[in-house]
Amino acid sequence: MSTETTSPTHDDGGVPGGAAERRLFEGDTGRFELPLRQVLVRLLRGPYLDGTADPRLWQLVLDRRQDIAAYVAELFLLLSVDTERKIALLVPVEVEAPHTTAIAPRKPLKREETLLALRLRLLLDRHAGSGTEPVISRAGAREILEEHRRPGAVDDKRLEDLTDASLARLVALKLILPTELDDEYRVSGALALALPFESIEEIPAYIAALENSSDADVMDLDSVEDEL
């Protein structure tokens, strides 16, 4: 996987044409042309830009990568691009100063949501280079969460509710995507950027630690938006 986080530059990109021609409304500086602004809006809205689904915007991200990185850096964000999976997203940076939090607050994933996401991250890695897309069914998600039940937990109704809630949260974040089949989801390549472990071998240990976690919220997905 080739994933890069682009640091900003101060180059104006050498955009041809005058700023006056690019002004769209009164008070507009005309710094960027309309297509580039559309890419910026798409990235800021999140949770990510899928180059396979939108090849025009993806190519513009590649062509104007430094301009985009320089602009979003003003908002305490870094541009992260996975060229193999064709995924681009904005990653908030932590700055120890007032009024520097991310534009949109993100609710951390809860225990079961995190456990499911981590198991799917492993599934995604196993499919890397295979030419096939990893999928997960609702039944499969339920089995995963059943494996990680807290000791003594026997409430099947709660397990069903946790399964549905966890799937719904990951769908809202577009980390899994509905398919044409009922209760079956495709695992998005964006999950690799949302859970950027240096080594896939780190995940089982993280899962083991979570199994005994008593925290309601356990993981903050800094690299994806909480709401669409």
C-alpha atoms as a PDB file:
ATOM      1  CA  MET A   1       0.000   0.000   0.000  1.00  0.00           C
ATOM      2  CA  SER A   2       1.303   3.436  -0.908  1.00  0.00           C
ATOM      3  CA  THR A   3      -0.056   6.009   1.502  1.00  0.00           C
ATOM      4  CA  GLU A   4       1.350   9.479   1.805  1.00  0.00           C
ATOM      5  CA  THR A   5       0.486  12.487   3.887  1.00  0.00           C
ATOM      6  CA  THR A   6       1.260  15.651   2.008  1.00  0.00           C
ATOM      7  CA  SER A   7       2.817  18.566   3.817  1.00  0.00           C
ATOM      8  CA  PRO A   8       1.935  22.047   2.597  1.00  0.00           C
ATOM      9  CA  THR A   9       4.061  24.220   0.374  1.00  0.00           C
ATOM     10  CA  HIS A  10       3.760  27.895  -0.401  1.00  0.00           C
ATOM     11  CA  ASP A  11       3.711  27.448  -4.170  1.00  0.00           C
ATOM     12  CA  ASP A  12       0.683  28.945  -5.923  1.00  0.00           C
ATOM     13  CA  GLY A  13       0.730  26.054  -8.406  1.00  0.00           C
ATOM     14  CA  GLY A  14       1.362  28.310 -11.399  1.00  0.00           C
ATOM     15  CA  VAL A  15      -2.330  28.371 -12.245  1.00  0.00           C
ATOM     16  CA  PRO A  16      -2.814  29.978 -15.656  1.00  0.00           C
ATOM     17  CA  GLY A  17      -5.187  32.882 -16.124  1.00  0.00           C
ATOM     18  CA  GLY A  18      -5.908  35.857 -13.949  1.00  0.00           C
ATOM     19  CA  ALA A  19      -7.676  35.857 -10.615  1.00  0.00           C
ATOM     20  CA  ALA A  20     -10.346  38.174 -11.982  1.00  0.00           C
ATOM     21  CA  GLU A  21     -11.544  35.484 -14.391  1.00  0.00           C
ATOM     22  CA  ARG A  22     -11.882  33.005 -11.520  1.00  0.00           C
ATOM     23  CA  ARG A  23     -14.008  35.219  -9.275  1.00  0.00           C
ATOM     24  CA  LEU A  24     -17.449  33.718  -8.799  1.00  0.00           C
ATOM     25  CA  PHE A  25     -19.099  36.228  -6.447  1.00  0.00           C
ATOM     26  CA  GLU A  26     -18.575  39.598  -4.839  1.00  0.00           C
ATOM     27  CA  GLY A  27     -15.651  39.484  -2.441  1.00  0.00           C
ATOM     28  CA  ASP A  28     -14.207  36.339  -4.035  1.00  0.00           C
ATOM     29  CA  THR A  29     -10.417  36.482  -4.365  1.00  0.00           C
ATOM     30  CA  GLY A  30     -10.364  34.185  -7.380  1.00  0.00           C
ATOM     31  CA  ARG A  31      -7.383  32.309  -5.961  1.00  0.00           C
ATOM     32  CA  PHE A  32      -8.586  28.879  -7.109  1.00  0.00           C
ATOM     33  CA  GLU A  33     -10.544  27.846 -10.175  1.00  0.00           C
ATOM     34  CA  LEU A  34     -13.969  26.228  -9.751  1.00  0.00           C
ATOM     35  CA  PRO A  35     -12.921  22.539 -10.194  1.00  0.00           C
ATOM     36  CA  LEU A  36     -10.262  22.847  -7.504  1.00  0.00           C
ATOM     37  CA  ARG A  37     -12.749  24.453  -5.135  1.00  0.00           C
ATOM     38  CA  GLN A  38     -15.126  21.563  -5.765  1.00  0.00           C
ATOM     39  CA  VAL A  39     -12.394  19.109  -4.761  1.00  0.00           C
ATOM     40  CA  LEU A  40     -11.720  21.061  -1.572  1.00  0.00           C
ATOM     41  CA  VAL A  41     -15.399  21.065  -0.652  1.00  0.00           C
ATOM     42  CA  ARG A  42     -15.624  17.319  -1.297  1.00  0.00           C
ATOM     43  CA  LEU A  43     -12.623  16.621   0.930  1.00  0.00           C
ATOM     44  CA  LEU A  44     -13.814  18.938   3.693  1.00  0.00           C
ATOM     45  CA  ARG A  45     -17.269  17.371   3.682  1.00  0.00           C
ATOM     46  CA  GLY A  46     -15.626  13.959   4.065  1.00  0.00           C
ATOM     47  CA  PRO A  47     -15.319  11.312   5.065  1.00  0.00           C
ATOM     48  CA  TYR A  48     -13.049  10.711   2.065  1.00  0.00           C
ATOM     49  CA  LEU A  49     -12.807  10.977  -1.709  1.00  0.00           C
ATOM     50  CA  ASP A  50     -13.010   7.678  -3.585  1.00  0.00           C
ATOM     51  CA  GLY A  51     -11.023   7.958  -6.802  1.00  0.00           C
ATOM     52  CA  THR A  52     -12.648   4.892  -8.325  1.00  0.00           C
ATOM     53  CA  ALA A  53     -16.108   6.392  -7.879  1.00  0.00           C
ATOM     54  CA  ASP A  54     -15.061   9.893  -8.985  1.00  0.00           C
ATOM     55  CA  PRO A  55     -12.053   9.686 -11.323  1.00  0.00           C
ATOM     56  CA  ARG A  56     -12.302  13.345 -12.394  1.00  0.00           C
ATOM     57  CA  LEU A  57     -11.890  14.680  -8.865  1.00  0.00           C
ATOM     58  CA  TRP A  58      -9.252  12.052  -8.111  1.00  0.00           C
ATOM     59  CA  GLN A  59      -7.094  13.163 -11.014  1.00  0.00           C
ATOM     60  CA  LEU A  60      -7.412  16.752  -9.864  1.00  0.00           C
ATOM     61  CA  VAL A  61      -6.247  15.722  -6.386  1.00  0.00           C
ATOM     62  CA  LEU A  62      -3.158  14.180  -7.956  1.00  0.00           C
ATOM     63  CA  ASP A  63      -2.526  17.151 -10.251  1.00  0.00           C
ATOM     64  CA  ARG A  64      -3.007  19.823  -7.595  1.00  0.00           C
ATOM     65  CA  ARG A  65      -1.891  17.938  -4.538  1.00  0.00           C
ATOM     66  CA  GLN A  66       0.457  20.616  -3.228  1.00  0.00           C
ATOM     67  CA  ASP A  67      -2.122  23.382  -3.632  1.00  0.00           C
ATOM     68  CA  ILE A  68      -4.716  21.347  -1.745  1.00  0.00           C
ATOM     69  CA  ALA A  69      -2.241  20.479   1.003  1.00  0.00           C
ATOM     70  CA  ALA A  70      -1.229  24.111   1.441  1.00  0.00           C
ATOM     71  CA  TYR A  71      -4.847  25.262   1.692  1.00  0.00           C
ATOM     72  CA  VAL A  72      -6.061  22.664   4.196  1.00  0.00           C
ATOM     73  CA  ALA A  73      -2.964  23.166   6.356  1.00  0.00           C
ATOM     74  CA  GLU A  74      -4.406  26.586   7.202  1.00  0.00           C
ATOM     75  CA  LEU A  75      -7.265  24.652   8.852  1.00  0.00           C
ATOM     76  CA  PHE A  76      -4.957  22.309  10.812  1.00  0.00           C
ATOM     77  CA  LEU A  77      -5.477  19.451   8.360  1.00  0.00           C
ATOM     78  CA  LEU A  78      -3.123  17.261   6.335  1.00  0.00           C
ATOM     79  CA  LEU A  79      -3.938  15.688   2.987  1.00  0.00           C
ATOM     80  CA  SER A  80      -3.493  11.902   3.053  1.00  0.00           C
ATOM     81  CA  VAL A  81      -3.484  10.050  -0.274  1.00  0.00           C
ATOM     82  CA  ASP A  82      -3.440   6.286  -0.872  1.00  0.00           C
ATOM     83  CA  THR A  83      -2.506   5.981  -4.534  1.00  0.00           C
ATOM     84  CA  GLU A  84      -3.012   2.207  -4.665  1.00  0.00           C
ATOM     85  CA  ARG A  85      -6.541   2.238  -3.244  1.00  0.00           C
ATOM     86  CA  LYS A  86      -7.338   5.646  -4.803  1.00  0.00           C
ATOM     87  CA  ILE A  87      -8.477   7.164  -1.524  1.00  0.00           C
ATOM     88  CA  ALA A  88      -7.844  10.746  -0.388  1.00  0.00           C
ATOM     89  CA  LEU A  89      -8.880  12.203   2.942  1.00  0.00           C
ATOM     90  CA  LEU A  90      -8.024  14.955   5.391  1.00  0.00           C
ATOM     91  CA  VAL A  91      -6.287  14.151   8.657  1.00  0.00           C
ATOM     92  CA  PRO A  92      -6.587  16.579  11.596  1.00  0.00           C
ATOM     93  CA  VAL A  93      -3.352  17.511  13.333  1.00  0.00           C
ATOM     94  CA  GLU A  94      -2.984  18.199  17.038  1.00  0.00           C
ATOM     95  CA  VAL A  95      -1.725  21.652  17.926  1.00  0.00           C
ATOM     96  CA  GLU A  96      -1.372  22.676  21.556  1.00  0.00           C
ATOM     97  CA  ALA A  97      -3.005  26.060  21.239  1.00  0.00           C
ATOM     98  CA  PRO A  98      -6.534  27.442  21.769  1.00  0.00           C
ATOM     99  CA  HIS A  99      -9.073  27.209  18.947  1.00  0.00           C
ATOM    100  CA  THR A 100      -7.119  24.628  16.949  1.00  0.00           C
ATOM    101  CA  THR A 101      -9.465  21.651  17.171  1.00  0.00           C
ATOM    102  CA  ALA A 102     -10.752  19.944  14.044  1.00  0.00           C
ATOM    103  CA  ILE A 103     -13.509  21.670  12.084  1.00  0.00           C
ATOM    104  CA  ALA A 104     -16.026  18.885  12.760  1.00  0.00           C
ATOM    105  CA  PRO A 105     -15.976  17.133  16.139  1.00  0.00           C
ATOM    106  CA  ARG A 106     -15.687  13.366  15.966  1.00  0.00           C
ATOM    107  CA  LYS A 107     -17.249  10.945  18.354  1.00  0.00           C
ATOM    108  CA  PRO A 108     -14.896   8.071  19.202  1.00  0.00           C
ATOM    109  CA  LEU A 109     -15.911   4.592  18.157  1.00  0.00           C
ATOM    110  CA  LYS A 110     -17.399   2.525  20.944  1.00  0.00           C
ATOM    111  CA  ARG A 111     -15.961  -0.788  22.042  1.00  0.00           C
ATOM    112  CA  GLU A 112     -17.956  -3.028  19.699  1.00  0.00           C
ATOM    113  CA  GLU A 113     -17.636  -0.614  16.786  1.00  0.00           C
ATOM    114  CA  THR A 114     -13.885  -0.576  17.256  1.00  0.00           C
ATOM    115  CA  LEU A 115     -13.606  -4.353  17.549  1.00  0.00           C
ATOM    116  CA  LEU A 116     -15.594  -4.828  14.355  1.00  0.00           C
ATOM    117  CA  ALA A 117     -13.546  -2.178  12.527  1.00  0.00           C
ATOM    118  CA  LEU A 118     -10.281  -3.794  13.613  1.00  0.00           C
ATOM    119  CA  ARG A 119     -11.366  -7.245  12.483  1.00  0.00           C
ATOM    120  CA  LEU A 120     -12.417  -5.793   9.135  1.00  0.00           C
ATOM    121  CA  ARG A 121      -9.055  -4.041   8.894  1.00  0.00           C
ATOM    122  CA  LEU A 122      -7.438  -7.477   9.139  1.00  0.00           C
ATOM    123  CA  LEU A 123      -9.823  -8.782   6.481  1.00  0.00           C
ATOM    124  CA  LEU A 124      -8.900  -5.879   4.209  1.00  0.00           C
ATOM    125  CA  ASP A 125      -5.216  -6.661   4.573  1.00  0.00           C
ATOM    126  CA  ARG A 126      -5.760 -10.332   3.748  1.00  0.00           C
ATOM    127  CA  HIS A 127      -7.429  -9.330   0.476  1.00  0.00           C
ATOM    128  CA  ALA A 128      -4.692  -6.895  -0.522  1.00  0.00           C
ATOM    129  CA  GLY A 129      -3.360  -7.766  -3.978  1.00  0.00           C
ATOM    130  CA  SER A 130      -5.865 -10.590  -4.450  1.00  0.00           C
ATOM    131  CA  GLY A 131      -8.041  -8.751  -6.938  1.00  0.00           C
ATOM    132  CA  THR A 132     -11.116  -9.481  -4.819  1.00  0.00           C
ATOM    133  CA  GLU A 133     -13.049  -7.112  -2.583  1.00  0.00           C
ATOM    134  CA  PRO A 134     -13.552  -8.056   1.065  1.00  0.00           C
ATOM    135  CA  VAL A 135     -17.173  -8.252   2.161  1.00  0.00           C
ATOM    136  CA  ILE A 136     -18.878  -8.778   5.487  1.00  0.00           C
ATOM    137  CA  SER A 137     -22.446  -9.935   6.094  1.00  0.00           C
ATOM    138  CA  ARG A 138     -24.569  -8.999   9.054  1.00  0.00           C
ATOM    139  CA  ALA A 139     -24.319 -12.598  10.226  1.00  0.00           C
ATOM    140  CA  GLY A 140     -20.536 -12.400   9.954  1.00  0.00           C
ATOM    141  CA  ALA A 141     -20.462  -9.166  11.930  1.00  0.00           C
ATOM    142  CA  ARG A 142     -22.639 -10.746  14.614  1.00  0.00           C
ATOM    143  CA  GLU A 143     -20.256 -13.709  14.858  1.00  0.00           C
ATOM    144  CA  ILE A 144     -17.308 -11.343  15.284  1.00  0.00           C
ATOM    145  CA  LEU A 145     -18.988  -9.444  18.111  1.00  0.00           C
ATOM    146  CA  GLU A 146     -20.146 -12.688  19.700  1.00  0.00           C
ATOM    147  CA  GLU A 147     -16.500 -13.813  19.836  1.00  0.00           C
ATOM    148  CA  HIS A 148     -15.626 -10.638  21.716  1.00  0.00           C
ATOM    149  CA  ARG A 149     -18.507 -10.621  24.172  1.00  0.00           C
ATOM    150  CA  ARG A 150     -17.671  -9.546  27.673  1.00  0.00           C
ATOM    151  CA  PRO A 151     -17.325 -12.449  30.124  1.00  0.00           C
ATOM    152  CA  GLY A 152     -20.727 -13.538  31.348  1.00  0.00           C
ATOM    153  CA  ALA A 153     -22.683 -11.643  28.669  1.00  0.00           C
ATOM    154  CA  VAL A 154     -25.631 -13.769  27.529  1.00  0.00           C
ATOM    155  CA  ASP A 155     -28.188 -11.215  26.323  1.00  0.00           C
ATOM    156  CA  ASP A 156     -28.758 -12.147  22.675  1.00  0.00           C
ATOM    157  CA  LYS A 157     -31.092  -9.197  22.126  1.00  0.00           C
ATOM    158  CA  ARG A 158     -28.315  -6.818  23.157  1.00  0.00           C
ATOM    159  CA  LEU A 159     -25.912  -8.604  20.814  1.00  0.00           C
ATOM    160  CA  GLU A 160     -28.332  -8.095  17.929  1.00  0.00           C
ATOM    161  CA  ASP A 161     -28.696  -4.406  18.794  1.00  0.00           C
ATOM    162  CA  LEU A 162     -24.922  -3.940  19.076  1.00  0.00           C
ATOM    163  CA  THR A 163     -24.444  -5.620  15.708  1.00  0.00           C
ATOM    164  CA  ASP A 164     -26.924  -3.325  13.981  1.00  0.00           C
ATOM    165  CA  ALA A 165     -25.569  -0.223  15.715  1.00  0.00           C
ATOM    166  CA  SER A 166     -21.962  -1.064  14.873  1.00  0.00           C
ATOM    167  CA  LEU A 167     -22.746  -1.723  11.229  1.00  0.00           C
ATOM    168  CA  ALA A 168     -24.783   1.471  10.995  1.00  0.00           C
ATOM    169  CA  ARG A 169     -21.914   3.531  12.419  1.00  0.00           C
ATOM    170  CA  LEU A 170     -19.364   2.084  10.007  1.00  0.00           C
ATOM    171  CA  VAL A 171     -21.762   2.635   7.104  1.00  0.00           C
ATOM    172  CA  ALA A 172     -22.250   6.267   8.174  1.00  0.00           C
ATOM    173  CA  LEU A 173     -18.478   6.699   8.107  1.00  0.00           C
ATOM    174  CA  LYS A 174     -18.351   4.926   4.719  1.00  0.00           C
ATOM    175  CA  LEU A 175     -15.851   2.433   6.100  1.00  0.00           C
ATOM    176  CA  ILE A 176     -18.190  -0.269   4.868  1.00  0.00           C
ATOM    177  CA  LEU A 177     -20.481   0.195   1.879  1.00  0.00           C
ATOM    178  CA  PRO A 178     -23.829  -1.482   1.149  1.00  0.00           C
ATOM    179  CA  THR A 179     -23.924  -3.922  -1.758  1.00  0.00           C
ATOM    180  CA  GLU A 180     -26.780  -5.084  -3.957  1.00  0.00           C
ATOM    181  CA  LEU A 181     -27.331  -7.947  -1.507  1.00  0.00           C
ATOM    182  CA  ASP A 182     -29.315  -7.437   1.670  1.00  0.00           C
ATOM    183  CA  ASP A 183     -27.229  -7.356   4.837  1.00  0.00           C
ATOM    184  CA  GLU A 184     -23.914  -7.591   2.978  1.00  0.00           C
ATOM    185  CA  TYR A 185     -21.298  -4.844   2.942  1.00  0.00           C
ATOM    186  CA  ARG A 186     -18.082  -4.149   1.062  1.00  0.00           C
ATOM    187  CA  VAL A 187     -15.133  -3.138   3.203  1.00  0.00           C
ATOM    188  CA  SER A 188     -13.803   0.192   1.934  1.00  0.00           C
ATOM    189  CA  GLY A 189     -10.109   0.729   1.335  1.00  0.00           C
ATOM    190  CA  ALA A 190     -10.511   3.891   3.409  1.00  0.00           C
ATOM    191  CA  LEU A 191     -10.427   1.677   6.498  1.00  0.00           C
ATOM    192  CA  ALA A 192      -6.662   1.302   6.006  1.00  0.00           C
ATOM    193  CA  LEU A 193      -6.260   5.069   6.337  1.00  0.00           C
ATOM    194  CA  ALA A 194      -8.777   5.367   9.159  1.00  0.00           C
ATOM    195  CA  LEU A 195      -6.868   2.740  11.167  1.00  0.00           C
ATOM    196  CA  PRO A 196      -3.271   3.444  10.111  1.00  0.00           C
ATOM    197  CA  PHE A 197      -1.289   0.833  12.033  1.00  0.00           C
ATOM    198  CA  GLU A 198       2.425   0.761  11.238  1.00  0.00           C
ATOM    199  CA  SER A 199       2.227  -3.023  11.165  1.00  0.00           C
ATOM    200  CA  ILE A 200      -0.798  -5.272  10.732  1.00  0.00           C
ATOM    201  CA  GLU A 201       0.675  -7.484  13.476  1.00  0.00           C
ATOM    202  CA  GLU A 202      -0.195  -4.785  16.011  1.00  0.00           C
ATOM    203  CA  ILE A 203      -3.937  -5.296  15.584  1.00  0.00           C
ATOM    204  CA  PRO A 204      -4.455  -8.630  17.431  1.00  0.00           C
ATOM    205  CA  ALA A 205      -2.791  -7.191  20.545  1.00  0.00           C
ATOM    206  CA  TYR A 206      -5.003  -4.109  20.309  1.00  0.00           C
ATOM    207  CA  ILE A 207      -8.071  -6.332  19.996  1.00  0.00           C
ATOM    208  CA  ALA A 208      -7.015  -8.361  23.038  1.00  0.00           C
ATOM    209  CA  ALA A 209      -6.647  -5.190  25.098  1.00  0.00           C
ATOM    210  CA  LEU A 210     -10.077  -3.970  24.012  1.00  0.00           C
ATOM    211  CA  GLU A 211     -11.809  -7.176  25.025  1.00  0.00           C
ATOM    212  CA  ASN A 212     -11.343  -6.248  28.672  1.00  0.00           C
ATOM    213  CA  SER A 213     -11.873  -2.527  28.189  1.00  0.00           C
ATOM    214  CA  SER A 214     -14.542  -0.910  30.315  1.00  0.00           C
ATOM    215  CA  ASP A 215     -14.533   2.376  28.410  1.00  0.00           C
ATOM    216  CA  ALA A 216     -17.654   3.249  26.450  1.00  0.00           C
ATOM    217  CA  ASP A 217     -15.563   5.106  23.859  1.00  0.00           C
ATOM    218  CA  VAL A 218     -12.232   3.623  22.950  1.00  0.00           C
ATOM    219  CA  MET A 219     -10.971   4.863  19.585  1.00  0.00           C
ATOM    220  CA  ASP A 220     -11.027   8.259  17.937  1.00  0.00           C
ATOM    221  CA  LEU A 221     -11.024   8.047  14.162  1.00  0.00           C
ATOM    222  CA  ASP A 222      -9.189  11.291  13.472  1.00  0.00           C
ATOM    223  CA  SER A 223      -9.071  10.613   9.766  1.00  0.00           C
ATOM    224  CA  VAL A 224     -12.763  10.326   8.978  1.00  0.00           C
ATOM    225  CA  GLU A 225     -15.742  12.595   9.481  1.00  0.00           C
ATOM    226  CA  ASP A 226     -18.333  11.635  12.049  1.00  0.00           C
ATOM    227  CA  GLU A 227     -21.315  12.718   9.960  1.00  0.00           C
ATOM    228  CA  LEU A 228     -21.885  12.947   6.227  1.00  0.00           C
END
